[in-house]
C-alpha atoms as a PDB file:
ATOM      1  CA  MET A   1      20.784   8.810  -3.436  1.00  0.00           C
ATOM      2  CA  ASN A   2      20.831  11.651  -0.804  1.00  0.00           C
ATOM      3  CA  VAL A   3      18.256  10.544   1.693  1.00  0.00           C
ATOM      4  CA  THR A   4      17.770  12.828   5.116  1.00  0.00           C
ATOM      5  CA  LYS A   5      15.808  11.563   7.678  1.00  0.00           C
ATOM      6  CA  ALA A   6      12.269  12.930   8.713  1.00  0.00           C
ATOM      7  CA  SER A   7      11.589  15.317  11.239  1.00  0.00           C
ATOM      8  CA  GLN A   8      10.074  13.975  14.089  1.00  0.00           C
ATOM      9  CA  LEU A   9       6.526  14.441  14.368  1.00  0.00           C
ATOM     10  CA  THR A  10       5.442  13.034  17.225  1.00  0.00           C
ATOM     11  CA  GLY A  11       3.919  15.330  20.060  1.00  0.00           C
ATOM     12  CA  GLY A  12       4.545  18.488  17.806  1.00  0.00           C
ATOM     13  CA  GLY A  13       1.058  18.096  16.599  1.00  0.00           C
ATOM     14  CA  VAL A  14      -0.451  20.387  13.725  1.00  0.00           C
ATOM     15  CA  SER A  15       2.265  22.889  13.852  1.00  0.00           C
ATOM     16  CA  ALA A  16       4.759  20.367  13.627  1.00  0.00           C
ATOM     17  CA  PHE A  17       3.426  18.619  10.509  1.00  0.00           C
ATOM     18  CA  TYR A  18       2.740  21.867   8.571  1.00  0.00           C
ATOM     19  CA  ALA A  19       6.362  22.748   9.613  1.00  0.00           C
ATOM     20  CA  ALA A  20       7.960  19.757   8.357  1.00  0.00           C
ATOM     21  CA  TYR A  21       5.611  19.605   5.210  1.00  0.00           C
ATOM     22  CA  PRO A  22       4.221  22.837   4.195  1.00  0.00           C
ATOM     23  CA  ALA A  23       4.248  22.584   0.739  1.00  0.00           C
ATOM     24  CA  PHE A  24       1.979  19.528   0.919  1.00  0.00           C
ATOM     25  CA  THR A  25      -0.524  20.560   3.937  1.00  0.00           C
ATOM     26  CA  ILE A  26      -1.196  23.993   1.972  1.00  0.00           C
ATOM     27  CA  SER A  27      -1.613  22.189  -1.494  1.00  0.00           C
ATOM     28  CA  VAL A  28      -3.823  19.397   0.084  1.00  0.00           C
ATOM     29  CA  LEU A  29      -6.063  21.582   1.478  1.00  0.00           C
ATOM     30  CA  LEU A  30      -6.841  23.824  -1.426  1.00  0.00           C
ATOM     31  CA  LEU A  31      -7.278  20.382  -3.066  1.00  0.00           C
ATOM     32  CA  MET A  32      -9.885  18.989  -0.734  1.00  0.00           C
ATOM     33  CA  LEU A  33     -11.598  22.111  -0.716  1.00  0.00           C
ATOM     34  CA  ALA A  34     -11.600  23.043  -4.593  1.00  0.00           C
ATOM     35  CA  GLY A  35     -12.778  19.084  -4.383  1.00  0.00           C
ATOM     36  CA  GLY A  36     -15.775  19.886  -2.057  1.00  0.00           C
ATOM     37  CA  ALA A  37     -16.883  23.006  -3.610  1.00  0.00           C
ATOM     38  CA  LEU A  38     -17.077  21.041  -6.874  1.00  0.00           C
ATOM     39  CA  MET A  39     -19.235  18.489  -5.781  1.00  0.00           C
ATOM     40  CA  LEU A  40     -21.469  20.522  -3.599  1.00  0.00           C
ATOM     41  CA  PHE A  41     -22.269  22.907  -6.785  1.00  0.00           C
ATOM     42  CA  VAL A  42     -21.322  21.068 -10.035  1.00  0.00           C
ATOM     43  CA  PRO A  43     -22.792  17.745 -10.519  1.00  0.00           C
ATOM     44  CA  GLN A  44     -19.944  15.360 -11.339  1.00  0.00           C
ATOM     45  CA  SER A  45     -21.125  14.202 -14.933  1.00  0.00           C
ATOM     46  CA  GLU A  46     -20.745  17.930 -15.902  1.00  0.00           C
ATOM     47  CA  GLN A  47     -17.179  18.131 -14.289  1.00  0.00           C
ATOM     48  CA  PHE A  48     -15.997  15.046 -16.207  1.00  0.00           C
ATOM     49  CA  LEU A  49     -17.474  15.971 -19.886  1.00  0.00           C
ATOM     50  CA  PHE A  50     -15.710  19.635 -18.932  1.00  0.00           C
ATOM     51  CA  VAL A  51     -12.543  17.938 -19.123  1.00  0.00           C
ATOM     52  CA  ASN A  52     -13.302  15.295 -21.451  1.00  0.00           C
ATOM     53  CA  GLN A  53     -14.000  18.180 -24.124  1.00  0.00           C
ATOM     54  CA  LEU A  54     -10.639  19.838 -23.681  1.00  0.00           C
ATOM     55  CA  HIS A  55      -9.050  16.933 -25.330  1.00  0.00           C
ATOM     56  CA  HIS A  56      -5.731  17.105 -28.257  1.00  0.00           C
ATOM     57  CA  PRO A  57      -3.969  14.448 -30.113  1.00  0.00           C
ATOM     58  CA  ILE A  58      -0.642  15.428 -27.925  1.00  0.00           C
ATOM     59  CA  ALA A  59      -2.147  15.181 -24.859  1.00  0.00           C
ATOM     60  CA  ASP A  60      -4.269  12.091 -25.583  1.00  0.00           C
ATOM     61  CA  ALA A  61      -0.286  10.416 -26.414  1.00  0.00           C
ATOM     62  CA  ALA A  62       1.080  12.266 -23.256  1.00  0.00           C
ATOM     63  CA  PHE A  63      -1.550  11.522 -20.577  1.00  0.00           C
ATOM     64  CA  GLN A  64      -1.230   7.809 -21.337  1.00  0.00           C
ATOM     65  CA  TYR A  65       2.210   7.534 -20.615  1.00  0.00           C
ATOM     66  CA  ILE A  66       1.428   9.819 -17.530  1.00  0.00           C
ATOM     67  CA  THR A  67      -0.809   8.213 -15.868  1.00  0.00           C
ATOM     68  CA  TYR A  68       1.878   4.708 -15.255  1.00  0.00           C
ATOM     69  CA  GLY A  69       3.218   7.659 -12.538  1.00  0.00           C
ATOM     70  CA  GLY A  70       0.334   5.689 -10.413  1.00  0.00           C
ATOM     71  CA  ASP A  71       1.304   2.308 -11.391  1.00  0.00           C
ATOM     72  CA  GLY A  72       1.644   0.314  -8.478  1.00  0.00           C
ATOM     73  CA  LEU A  73       5.167  -0.861  -9.936  1.00  0.00           C
ATOM     74  CA  LEU A  74       6.693   2.317  -9.766  1.00  0.00           C
ATOM     75  CA  MET A  75       6.312   1.608  -5.546  1.00  0.00           C
ATOM     76  CA  VAL A  76       7.537  -2.086  -5.758  1.00  0.00           C
ATOM     77  CA  LEU A  77      10.854  -0.346  -7.497  1.00  0.00           C
ATOM     78  CA  LEU A  78      11.412   2.618  -5.201  1.00  0.00           C
ATOM     79  CA  ALA A  79      10.584   0.663  -2.226  1.00  0.00           C
ATOM     80  CA  ALA A  80      13.623  -2.117  -3.730  1.00  0.00           C
ATOM     81  CA  VAL A  81      16.097   0.784  -4.617  1.00  0.00           C
ATOM     82  CA  LEU A  82      15.512   2.072  -1.044  1.00  0.00           C
ATOM     83  CA  LEU A  83      16.614  -1.682   0.041  1.00  0.00           C
ATOM     84  CA  PHE A  84      20.057  -0.010  -0.826  1.00  0.00           C
ATOM     85  CA  VAL A  85      19.612   2.870   1.845  1.00  0.00           C
ATOM     86  CA  ARG A  86      17.989   1.970   4.599  1.00  0.00           C
ATOM     87  CA  PHE A  87      15.883  -1.652   5.393  1.00  0.00           C
ATOM     88  CA  LYS A  88      13.125   0.581   7.351  1.00  0.00           C
ATOM     89  CA  TYR A  89      13.142   2.548   4.721  1.00  0.00           C
ATOM     90  CA  ALA A  90      11.644  -0.190   2.432  1.00  0.00           C
ATOM     91  CA  VAL A  91       9.745  -1.440   4.682  1.00  0.00           C
ATOM     92  CA  TYR A  92       8.118   1.804   5.254  1.00  0.00           C
ATOM     93  CA  ALA A  93       6.935   2.253   1.131  1.00  0.00           C
ATOM     94  CA  THR A  94       6.004  -1.248   1.421  1.00  0.00           C
ATOM     95  CA  ALA A  95       3.580  -0.870   3.945  1.00  0.00           C
ATOM     96  CA  CYS A  96       2.188   2.426   2.453  1.00  0.00           C
ATOM     97  CA  PHE A  97       1.595   0.805  -0.593  1.00  0.00           C
ATOM     98  CA  ILE A  98      -0.177  -2.133   0.933  1.00  0.00           C
ATOM     99  CA  VAL A  99      -2.379  -0.035   3.346  1.00  0.00           C
ATOM    100  CA  THR A 100      -3.550   2.518   0.479  1.00  0.00           C
ATOM    101  CA  GLY A 101      -4.105  -0.412  -2.076  1.00  0.00           C
ATOM    102  CA  LEU A 102      -5.763  -1.930   0.207  1.00  0.00           C
ATOM    103  CA  LEU A 103      -7.879   0.362   1.350  1.00  0.00           C
ATOM    104  CA  ALA A 104      -8.717   1.383  -2.221  1.00  0.00           C
ATOM    105  CA  GLN A 105      -9.555  -1.145  -3.462  1.00  0.00           C
ATOM    106  CA  GLY A 106     -11.371  -2.570  -0.497  1.00  0.00           C
ATOM    107  CA  ILE A 107     -13.924   0.464  -1.326  1.00  0.00           C
ATOM    108  CA  LYS A 108     -13.967  -0.283  -4.795  1.00  0.00           C
ATOM    109  CA  ARG A 109     -15.474  -2.955  -4.906  1.00  0.00           C
ATOM    110  CA  THR A 110     -17.942  -2.988  -1.646  1.00  0.00           C
ATOM    111  CA  LEU A 111     -19.101   0.371  -3.922  1.00  0.00           C
ATOM    112  CA  GLY A 112     -18.825  -1.018  -7.486  1.00  0.00           C
ATOM    113  CA  PHE A 113     -19.684   2.361  -8.910  1.00  0.00           C
ATOM    114  CA  PRO A 114     -19.299   2.249 -12.456  1.00  0.00           C
ATOM    115  CA  ARG A 115     -17.214   4.247 -14.130  1.00  0.00           C
ATOM    116  CA  PRO A 116     -17.227   7.139 -17.108  1.00  0.00           C
ATOM    117  CA  ALA A 117     -17.468   5.001 -19.850  1.00  0.00           C
ATOM    118  CA  LYS A 118     -20.423   2.727 -18.155  1.00  0.00           C
ATOM    119  CA  VAL A 119     -22.687   5.990 -17.094  1.00  0.00           C
ATOM    120  CA  PHE A 120     -22.283   7.486 -20.830  1.00  0.00           C
ATOM    121  CA  GLU A 121     -22.674   4.799 -22.679  1.00  0.00           C
ATOM    122  CA  GLY A 122     -24.892   4.696 -25.465  1.00  0.00           C
ATOM    123  CA  VAL A 123     -26.020   8.268 -23.629  1.00  0.00           C
ATOM    124  CA  TYR A 124     -23.008  10.518 -24.591  1.00  0.00           C
ATOM    125  CA  ASP A 125     -19.995  10.120 -26.964  1.00  0.00           C
ATOM    126  CA  ILE A 126     -17.440  10.550 -24.790  1.00  0.00           C
ATOM    127  CA  HIS A 127     -13.626  11.544 -25.912  1.00  0.00           C
ATOM    128  CA  ILE A 128     -11.522   8.510 -25.500  1.00  0.00           C
ATOM    129  CA  PRO A 129      -8.075   8.533 -26.759  1.00  0.00           C
ATOM    130  CA  PRO A 130      -7.572   5.691 -29.401  1.00  0.00           C
ATOM    131  CA  ASP A 131      -6.025   2.325 -28.694  1.00  0.00           C
ATOM    132  CA  HIS A 132      -7.074   3.020 -24.923  1.00  0.00           C
ATOM    133  CA  ALA A 133      -8.708   0.765 -23.443  1.00  0.00           C
ATOM    134  CA  VAL A 134     -11.226   2.014 -20.441  1.00  0.00           C
ATOM    135  CA  HIS A 135     -12.809   0.062 -17.869  1.00  0.00           C
ATOM    136  CA  PHE A 136     -16.800   0.493 -16.791  1.00  0.00           C
ATOM    137  CA  HIS A 137     -16.451  -0.691 -12.587  1.00  0.00           C
ATOM    138  CA  ASN A 138     -15.395  -0.238  -9.940  1.00  0.00           C
ATOM    139  CA  SER A 139     -14.701   3.522 -10.110  1.00  0.00           C
ATOM    140  CA  PHE A 140     -14.548   4.862  -6.869  1.00  0.00           C
ATOM    141  CA  PRO A 141     -11.911   5.894  -5.556  1.00  0.00           C
ATOM    142  CA  SER A 142      -9.033   6.344  -7.961  1.00  0.00           C
ATOM    143  CA  GLY A 143      -6.386   3.510  -7.600  1.00  0.00           C
ATOM    144  CA  HIS A 144      -3.667   5.351  -9.794  1.00  0.00           C
ATOM    145  CA  THR A 145      -4.195   8.462  -7.872  1.00  0.00           C
ATOM    146  CA  THR A 146      -4.096   6.817  -4.395  1.00  0.00           C
ATOM    147  CA  THR A 147      -0.970   5.378  -5.372  1.00  0.00           C
ATOM    148  CA  ALA A 148       0.528   8.450  -6.795  1.00  0.00           C
ATOM    149  CA  PHE A 149      -0.193  10.632  -3.498  1.00  0.00           C
ATOM    150  CA  ALA A 150       1.238   8.033  -1.496  1.00  0.00           C
ATOM    151  CA  MET A 151       4.232   7.647  -3.303  1.00  0.00           C
ATOM    152  CA  MET A 152       4.472  11.279  -3.342  1.00  0.00           C
ATOM    153  CA  ALA A 153       3.858  11.677   0.504  1.00  0.00           C
ATOM    154  CA  VAL A 154       7.047   8.568   0.779  1.00  0.00           C
ATOM    155  CA  LEU A 155       9.123  11.114  -1.486  1.00  0.00           C
ATOM    156  CA  TYR A 156       8.408  13.939   0.873  1.00  0.00           C
ATOM    157  CA  TYR A 157       9.234  11.914   3.854  1.00  0.00           C
ATOM    158  CA  PHE A 158      12.604  11.152   2.611  1.00  0.00           C
ATOM    159  CA  PHE A 159      13.422  14.269   0.166  1.00  0.00           C
ATOM    160  CA  PRO A 160      13.486  16.873   2.930  1.00  0.00           C
ATOM    161  CA  ASN A 161      14.601  19.872   0.595  1.00  0.00           C
ATOM    162  CA  GLN A 162      11.849  18.624  -1.467  1.00  0.00           C
ATOM    163  CA  ARG A 163       8.977  19.913   1.433  1.00  0.00           C
ATOM    164  CA  ASN A 164       9.073  23.240   0.260  1.00  0.00           C
ATOM    165  CA  SER A 165       8.649  23.254  -3.152  1.00  0.00           C
ATOM    166  CA  PRO A 166       4.549  21.796  -4.720  1.00  0.00           C
ATOM    167  CA  PHE A 167       6.578  19.445  -7.923  1.00  0.00           C
ATOM    168  CA  LEU A 168       5.908  16.756  -6.429  1.00  0.00           C
ATOM    169  CA  PHE A 169       2.411  17.545  -4.870  1.00  0.00           C
ATOM    170  CA  VAL A 170       1.577  18.730  -9.226  1.00  0.00           C
ATOM    171  CA  MET A 171       3.236  15.095 -10.380  1.00  0.00           C
ATOM    172  CA  ALA A 172       1.055  13.555  -8.098  1.00  0.00           C
ATOM    173  CA  LEU A 173      -2.291  15.615  -9.468  1.00  0.00           C
ATOM    174  CA  LEU A 174      -0.915  15.158 -13.231  1.00  0.00           C
ATOM    175  CA  VAL A 175      -1.794  11.601 -12.649  1.00  0.00           C
ATOM    176  CA  GLY A 176      -5.076  12.530 -11.163  1.00  0.00           C
ATOM    177  CA  TYR A 177      -6.027  14.504 -13.827  1.00  0.00           C
ATOM    178  CA  SER A 178      -4.828  11.568 -16.586  1.00  0.00           C
ATOM    179  CA  ARG A 179      -7.114   9.170 -15.061  1.00  0.00           C
ATOM    180  CA  ILE A 180     -10.393  11.783 -15.798  1.00  0.00           C
ATOM    181  CA  TYR A 181      -9.470  12.593 -18.748  1.00  0.00           C
ATOM    182  CA  LEU A 182      -8.185   9.084 -20.211  1.00  0.00           C
ATOM    183  CA  ALA A 183     -12.055   8.810 -19.050  1.00  0.00           C
ATOM    184  CA  GLN A 184     -11.284   6.157 -16.085  1.00  0.00           C
ATOM    185  CA  HIS A 185     -13.262   8.358 -13.632  1.00  0.00           C
ATOM    186  CA  PHE A 186     -14.918  11.020 -12.450  1.00  0.00           C
ATOM    187  CA  PRO A 187     -12.928  13.559 -10.452  1.00  0.00           C
ATOM    188  CA  GLN A 188     -14.877  12.393  -7.029  1.00  0.00           C
ATOM    189  CA  ASP A 189     -13.028   9.631  -7.664  1.00  0.00           C
ATOM    190  CA  VAL A 190      -9.886  11.624  -7.895  1.00  0.00           C
ATOM    191  CA  PHE A 191     -10.656  13.349  -4.971  1.00  0.00           C
ATOM    192  CA  ALA A 192     -10.810  10.833  -2.749  1.00  0.00           C
ATOM    193  CA  GLY A 193      -7.530   8.991  -4.069  1.00  0.00           C
ATOM    194  CA  ALA A 194      -5.872  11.798  -3.247  1.00  0.00           C
ATOM    195  CA  LEU A 195      -7.076  12.077   0.189  1.00  0.00           C
ATOM    196  CA  ILE A 196      -6.750   8.495   1.178  1.00  0.00           C
ATOM    197  CA  GLY A 197      -3.330   8.164  -0.499  1.00  0.00           C
ATOM    198  CA  SER A 198      -1.648  11.282   0.939  1.00  0.00           C
ATOM    199  CA  SER A 199      -3.384  11.243   4.372  1.00  0.00           C
ATOM    200  CA  THR A 200      -2.949   7.126   5.024  1.00  0.00           C
ATOM    201  CA  THR A 201       0.590   7.655   4.113  1.00  0.00           C
ATOM    202  CA  PHE A 202       1.097  10.241   6.509  1.00  0.00           C
ATOM    203  CA  LEU A 203      -0.828   8.645   9.292  1.00  0.00           C
ATOM    204  CA  LEU A 204       1.617   5.805   9.551  1.00  0.00           C
ATOM    205  CA  LEU A 205       4.219   8.248   9.010  1.00  0.00           C
ATOM    206  CA  TRP A 206       3.553   9.261  12.275  1.00  0.00           C
ATOM    207  CA  TRP A 207       3.480   5.700  13.570  1.00  0.00           C
ATOM    208  CA  PHE A 208       6.641   5.086  11.754  1.00  0.00           C
ATOM    209  CA  ASP A 209       8.455   8.347  13.573  1.00  0.00           C
ATOM    210  CA  SER A 210       7.283   6.938  17.137  1.00  0.00           C
ATOM    211  CA  SER A 211       7.753   2.922  16.454  1.00  0.00           C
ATOM    212  CA  ARG A 212      10.839   1.222  18.836  1.00  0.00           C
ATOM    213  CA  LEU A 213      10.834  -0.976  15.926  1.00  0.00           C
ATOM    214  CA  PHE A 214      12.531   0.988  13.627  1.00  0.00           C
ATOM    215  CA  LYS A 215      15.149   2.163  15.589  1.00  0.00           C
ATOM    216  CA  ALA A 216      16.524  -1.540  15.943  1.00  0.00           C
ATOM    217  CA  ASP A 217      19.618  -2.511  13.799  1.00  0.00           C
ATOM    218  CA  TRP A 218      18.403  -4.627  11.326  1.00  0.00           C
ATOM    219  CA  ALA A 219      16.024  -1.114  10.581  1.00  0.00           C
ATOM    220  CA  ASN A 220      19.206   0.939  10.045  1.00  0.00           C
ATOM    221  CA  ARG A 221      20.986  -1.507   7.823  1.00  0.00           C
ATOM    222  CA  ARG A 222      21.443  -1.603   3.905  1.00  0.00           C
ATOM    223  CA  LEU A 223      21.878  -4.042   1.175  1.00  0.00           C
ATOM    224  CA  HIS A 224      25.526  -3.890  -0.339  1.00  0.00           C
ATOM    225  CA  VAL A 225      26.032  -5.863  -3.242  1.00  0.00           C
ATOM    226  CA  SER A 226      29.969  -5.831  -4.763  1.00  0.00           C
ATOM    227  CA  ILE A 227      31.300  -7.750  -7.476  1.00  0.00           C
ATOM    228  CA  ALA A 228      34.468  -8.456  -7.150  1.00  0.00           C
ATOM    229  CA  LYS A 229      36.857 -10.481  -9.920  1.00  0.00           C
ATOM    230  CA  CYS A 230      39.220 -13.489  -9.117  1.00  0.00           C
ATOM    231  CA  GLU A 231      41.325 -15.668 -11.409  1.00  0.00           C
ATOM    232  CA  GLY A 232      39.245 -14.866 -14.413  1.00  0.00           C
ATOM    233  CA  ALA A 233      35.311 -14.948 -13.144  1.00  0.00           C
ATOM    234  CA  SER A 234      33.225 -12.731 -11.463  1.00  0.00           C
ATOM    235  CA  ALA A 235      31.910 -13.354  -7.599  1.00  0.00           C
ATOM    236  CA  VAL A 236      29.056 -11.416  -6.464  1.00  0.00           C
ATOM    237  CA  SER A 237      28.801 -10.466  -2.745  1.00  0.00           C
ATOM    238  CA  VAL A 238      25.502  -9.241  -1.384  1.00  0.00           C
ATOM    239  CA  ARG A 239      25.530  -8.348   2.109  1.00  0.00           C
ATOM    240  CA  THR A 240      24.506  -6.210   4.487  1.00  0.00           C
ATOM    241  CA  ASN A 241      26.204  -2.804   6.184  1.00  0.00           C
ATOM    242  CA  PRO A 242      25.235  -0.583   8.536  1.00  0.00           C
ATOM    243  CA  ALA A 243      23.797   2.813   6.919  1.00  0.00           C
ATOM    244  CA  ASP A 244      25.750   6.225   6.936  1.00  0.00           C
END
């Protein structure tokens, strides 16, 4: 895995941030502007119903898989893989997952907003893909979208060659769209999740780059597993090595 250390952002301000993450900065700003305009001028129910009416059997099946891109298990797997690259990267990914997840879940349970299936229950027959279970409570914000955008930010950080490409942003956006398509969330839930996941992760990035904790020897080591055969038996050796 080719993982390159991110550019130092401390002390560089907005210009340094934009220089390091041009695709992310432009994409998220456009998303927030579009989301803000929609929330000001178009009722949430109309936004949701517009998306809900655009359905197709192929899309029903596809978005039920795409939505797993915001599953917390993927973030856990990413952190596990990063143990073999550099310990501090695994800690960073784990911290982003925990902090953004706690924020999203805390807001969900504090506000307790109803989900589309509850709002339109007995009022409008919304489209729900076959065999897909919907939830009724704790709509705002979208937890899957929060995780997807947090993961997007982590991957932008670890893969600098992707920073001038909107690919990772589009992947995260598809996860967010899937939450509306599958009748799990309103658009405002997705916009909020995108903002929480991306902005919180990059705030952690700022701290990560400036903290002495992650400049220690342990932080720049990686897990190494080797299997050796001796007299017909296999022995597994687990140790830490300095990262390349």
